[in-house]
Amino acid sequence: MSGFTSKSEALRDSIFGFIERHEKYENLENDILIMTLSLVYPFKEIIINQITELYSRYHQIIKTVTDWRIVEKKIELLLLVGEFGKIKDLYNELAKIKDVICSIREIVID
């Protein structure tokens, strides 16, 4: 069970992690960040069209898109630079698309 002694301990740890990750970005709405966004989705025309339309709307923060096709899945990695509010909006729009799995990470440059 991944090092947890009970389901409630695992759930509690998951909730604390979720809150910690989201509080970190709570006051960054207008800050400029560098982030990566990963997508995995079935290679279907309707999904590709929805994603392409979003990429067009958010082109000002998308610096590069790298993609691979593995079997019937498409995997994409986006490099995003811009206001966190716009990055968050793009992420939320992509996450709404049925069958699209996405995750986002901040890139820290010291």
C-alpha atoms as a PDB file:
ATOM      1  CA  MET A   1       0.000   0.000   0.000  1.00  0.00           C
ATOM      2  CA  SER A   2       2.862   2.393  -0.862  1.00  0.00           C
ATOM      3  CA  GLY A   3       4.137   2.737   2.699  1.00  0.00           C
ATOM      4  CA  PHE A   4       0.832   3.754   4.289  1.00  0.00           C
ATOM      5  CA  THR A   5      -0.582   1.793   7.204  1.00  0.00           C
ATOM      6  CA  SER A   6      -4.218   2.478   6.276  1.00  0.00           C
ATOM      7  CA  LYS A   7      -6.431   3.890   3.555  1.00  0.00           C
ATOM      8  CA  SER A   8      -7.280   6.873   5.744  1.00  0.00           C
ATOM      9  CA  GLU A   9      -3.572   7.690   6.141  1.00  0.00           C
ATOM     10  CA  ALA A  10      -3.090   7.546   2.372  1.00  0.00           C
ATOM     11  CA  LEU A  11      -6.150   9.724   1.797  1.00  0.00           C
ATOM     12  CA  ARG A  12      -5.031  12.250   4.414  1.00  0.00           C
ATOM     13  CA  ASP A  13      -1.565  12.435   2.821  1.00  0.00           C
ATOM     14  CA  SER A  14      -3.129  12.924  -0.606  1.00  0.00           C
ATOM     15  CA  ILE A  15      -5.389  15.743   0.641  1.00  0.00           C
ATOM     16  CA  PHE A  16      -2.504  17.538   2.374  1.00  0.00           C
ATOM     17  CA  GLY A  17      -0.408  17.252  -0.804  1.00  0.00           C
ATOM     18  CA  PHE A  18      -3.242  18.637  -2.933  1.00  0.00           C
ATOM     19  CA  ILE A  19      -3.777  21.620  -0.611  1.00  0.00           C
ATOM     20  CA  GLU A  20      -0.040  22.322  -0.432  1.00  0.00           C
ATOM     21  CA  ARG A  21       0.351  22.306  -4.230  1.00  0.00           C
ATOM     22  CA  HIS A  22      -2.642  24.596  -4.800  1.00  0.00           C
ATOM     23  CA  GLU A  23      -1.865  27.060  -1.993  1.00  0.00           C
ATOM     24  CA  LYS A  24       1.586  27.504  -3.527  1.00  0.00           C
ATOM     25  CA  TYR A  25       0.012  29.054  -6.644  1.00  0.00           C
ATOM     26  CA  GLU A  26      -2.837  30.897  -4.905  1.00  0.00           C
ATOM     27  CA  ASN A  27      -1.343  34.413  -5.147  1.00  0.00           C
ATOM     28  CA  LEU A  28       0.582  34.065  -8.413  1.00  0.00           C
ATOM     29  CA  GLU A  29      -2.197  35.079 -10.826  1.00  0.00           C
ATOM     30  CA  ASN A  30      -0.154  37.872 -12.523  1.00  0.00           C
ATOM     31  CA  ASP A  31       3.346  36.471 -11.969  1.00  0.00           C
ATOM     32  CA  ILE A  32       5.331  35.310 -15.002  1.00  0.00           C
ATOM     33  CA  LEU A  33       6.257  31.628 -14.737  1.00  0.00           C
ATOM     34  CA  ILE A  34       7.876  28.923 -16.825  1.00  0.00           C
ATOM     35  CA  MET A  35       5.913  25.679 -16.729  1.00  0.00           C
ATOM     36  CA  THR A  36       5.580  22.409 -18.583  1.00  0.00           C
ATOM     37  CA  LEU A  37       2.254  20.824 -19.363  1.00  0.00           C
ATOM     38  CA  SER A  38       1.979  17.144 -20.301  1.00  0.00           C
ATOM     39  CA  LEU A  39      -0.962  15.644 -22.183  1.00  0.00           C
ATOM     40  CA  VAL A  40      -1.908  12.067 -22.989  1.00  0.00           C
ATOM     41  CA  TYR A  41      -4.997  11.360 -25.062  1.00  0.00           C
ATOM     42  CA  PRO A  42      -6.427   8.957 -27.631  1.00  0.00           C
ATOM     43  CA  PHE A  43      -5.489   9.775 -31.211  1.00  0.00           C
ATOM     44  CA  LYS A  44      -8.975  10.928 -32.270  1.00  0.00           C
ATOM     45  CA  GLU A  45      -9.760  13.746 -34.672  1.00  0.00           C
ATOM     46  CA  ILE A  46     -12.375  15.370 -32.424  1.00  0.00           C
ATOM     47  CA  ILE A  47      -9.920  15.610 -29.504  1.00  0.00           C
ATOM     48  CA  ILE A  48      -7.097  16.858 -31.732  1.00  0.00           C
ATOM     49  CA  ASN A  49      -9.397  19.572 -33.127  1.00  0.00           C
ATOM     50  CA  GLN A  50     -10.388  20.734 -29.618  1.00  0.00           C
ATOM     51  CA  ILE A  51      -6.752  20.873 -28.504  1.00  0.00           C
ATOM     52  CA  THR A  52      -5.650  22.668 -31.692  1.00  0.00           C
ATOM     53  CA  GLU A  53      -8.320  25.325 -31.121  1.00  0.00           C
ATOM     54  CA  LEU A  54      -7.050  25.894 -27.563  1.00  0.00           C
ATOM     55  CA  TYR A  55      -3.437  26.077 -28.743  1.00  0.00           C
ATOM     56  CA  SER A  56      -4.529  28.768 -31.191  1.00  0.00           C
ATOM     57  CA  ARG A  57      -6.244  30.785 -28.434  1.00  0.00           C
ATOM     58  CA  TYR A  58      -3.261  30.521 -26.083  1.00  0.00           C
ATOM     59  CA  HIS A  59      -0.443  30.760 -28.663  1.00  0.00           C
ATOM     60  CA  GLN A  60       1.121  33.750 -26.861  1.00  0.00           C
ATOM     61  CA  ILE A  61       2.175  31.590 -23.877  1.00  0.00           C
ATOM     62  CA  ILE A  62       3.026  28.368 -25.754  1.00  0.00           C
ATOM     63  CA  LYS A  63       6.728  28.423 -26.626  1.00  0.00           C
ATOM     64  CA  THR A  64       7.054  24.877 -27.982  1.00  0.00           C
ATOM     65  CA  VAL A  65       5.073  21.661 -28.353  1.00  0.00           C
ATOM     66  CA  THR A  66       6.764  18.281 -28.642  1.00  0.00           C
ATOM     67  CA  ASP A  67       4.630  15.267 -29.424  1.00  0.00           C
ATOM     68  CA  TRP A  68       4.850  11.530 -29.889  1.00  0.00           C
ATOM     69  CA  ARG A  69       2.372   8.953 -31.066  1.00  0.00           C
ATOM     70  CA  ILE A  70       2.547   5.618 -29.309  1.00  0.00           C
ATOM     71  CA  VAL A  71       0.072   3.027 -30.538  1.00  0.00           C
ATOM     72  CA  GLU A  72      -3.284   4.867 -30.446  1.00  0.00           C
ATOM     73  CA  LYS A  73      -2.229   7.490 -27.879  1.00  0.00           C
ATOM     74  CA  LYS A  74      -0.777  10.906 -28.445  1.00  0.00           C
ATOM     75  CA  ILE A  75       1.645  12.324 -25.870  1.00  0.00           C
ATOM     76  CA  GLU A  76       2.464  16.036 -25.893  1.00  0.00           C
ATOM     77  CA  LEU A  77       4.795  18.161 -23.832  1.00  0.00           C
ATOM     78  CA  LEU A  78       4.308  21.943 -23.891  1.00  0.00           C
ATOM     79  CA  LEU A  79       6.711  24.601 -22.661  1.00  0.00           C
ATOM     80  CA  LEU A  80       4.702  27.568 -21.379  1.00  0.00           C
ATOM     81  CA  VAL A  81       5.946  31.036 -20.419  1.00  0.00           C
ATOM     82  CA  GLY A  82       3.547  33.698 -19.218  1.00  0.00           C
ATOM     83  CA  GLU A  83       1.226  34.918 -16.504  1.00  0.00           C
ATOM     84  CA  PHE A  84       0.184  32.115 -14.215  1.00  0.00           C
ATOM     85  CA  GLY A  85      -3.477  33.054 -14.640  1.00  0.00           C
ATOM     86  CA  LYS A  86      -3.316  32.397 -18.399  1.00  0.00           C
ATOM     87  CA  ILE A  87      -1.344  29.178 -17.927  1.00  0.00           C
ATOM     88  CA  LYS A  88      -3.906  28.005 -15.376  1.00  0.00           C
ATOM     89  CA  ASP A  89      -6.761  28.873 -17.771  1.00  0.00           C
ATOM     90  CA  LEU A  90      -5.173  26.805 -20.560  1.00  0.00           C
ATOM     91  CA  TYR A  91      -4.621  23.893 -18.187  1.00  0.00           C
ATOM     92  CA  ASN A  92      -8.241  24.016 -16.973  1.00  0.00           C
ATOM     93  CA  GLU A  93      -9.592  24.127 -20.538  1.00  0.00           C
ATOM     94  CA  LEU A  94      -7.468  21.136 -21.569  1.00  0.00           C
ATOM     95  CA  ALA A  95      -8.474  19.192 -18.447  1.00  0.00           C
ATOM     96  CA  LYS A  96     -12.155  19.612 -19.402  1.00  0.00           C
ATOM     97  CA  ILE A  97     -11.710  17.700 -22.671  1.00  0.00           C
ATOM     98  CA  LYS A  98     -13.028  14.148 -22.344  1.00  0.00           C
ATOM     99  CA  ASP A  99     -10.291  11.466 -22.350  1.00  0.00           C
ATOM    100  CA  VAL A 100      -7.426  13.973 -21.964  1.00  0.00           C
ATOM    101  CA  ILE A 101      -5.059  13.394 -19.052  1.00  0.00           C
ATOM    102  CA  CYS A 102      -2.913  16.411 -18.234  1.00  0.00           C
ATOM    103  CA  SER A 103      -0.438  17.457 -15.590  1.00  0.00           C
ATOM    104  CA  ILE A 104       1.475  20.654 -15.024  1.00  0.00           C
ATOM    105  CA  ARG A 105       4.832  21.417 -13.403  1.00  0.00           C
ATOM    106  CA  GLU A 106       6.674  24.607 -12.577  1.00  0.00           C
ATOM    107  CA  ILE A 107      10.243  25.005 -13.794  1.00  0.00           C
ATOM    108  CA  VAL A 108      12.417  26.707 -11.213  1.00  0.00           C
ATOM    109  CA  ILE A 109      15.456  28.571 -12.514  1.00  0.00           C
ATOM    110  CA  ASP A 110      17.914  29.733  -9.847  1.00  0.00           C
END
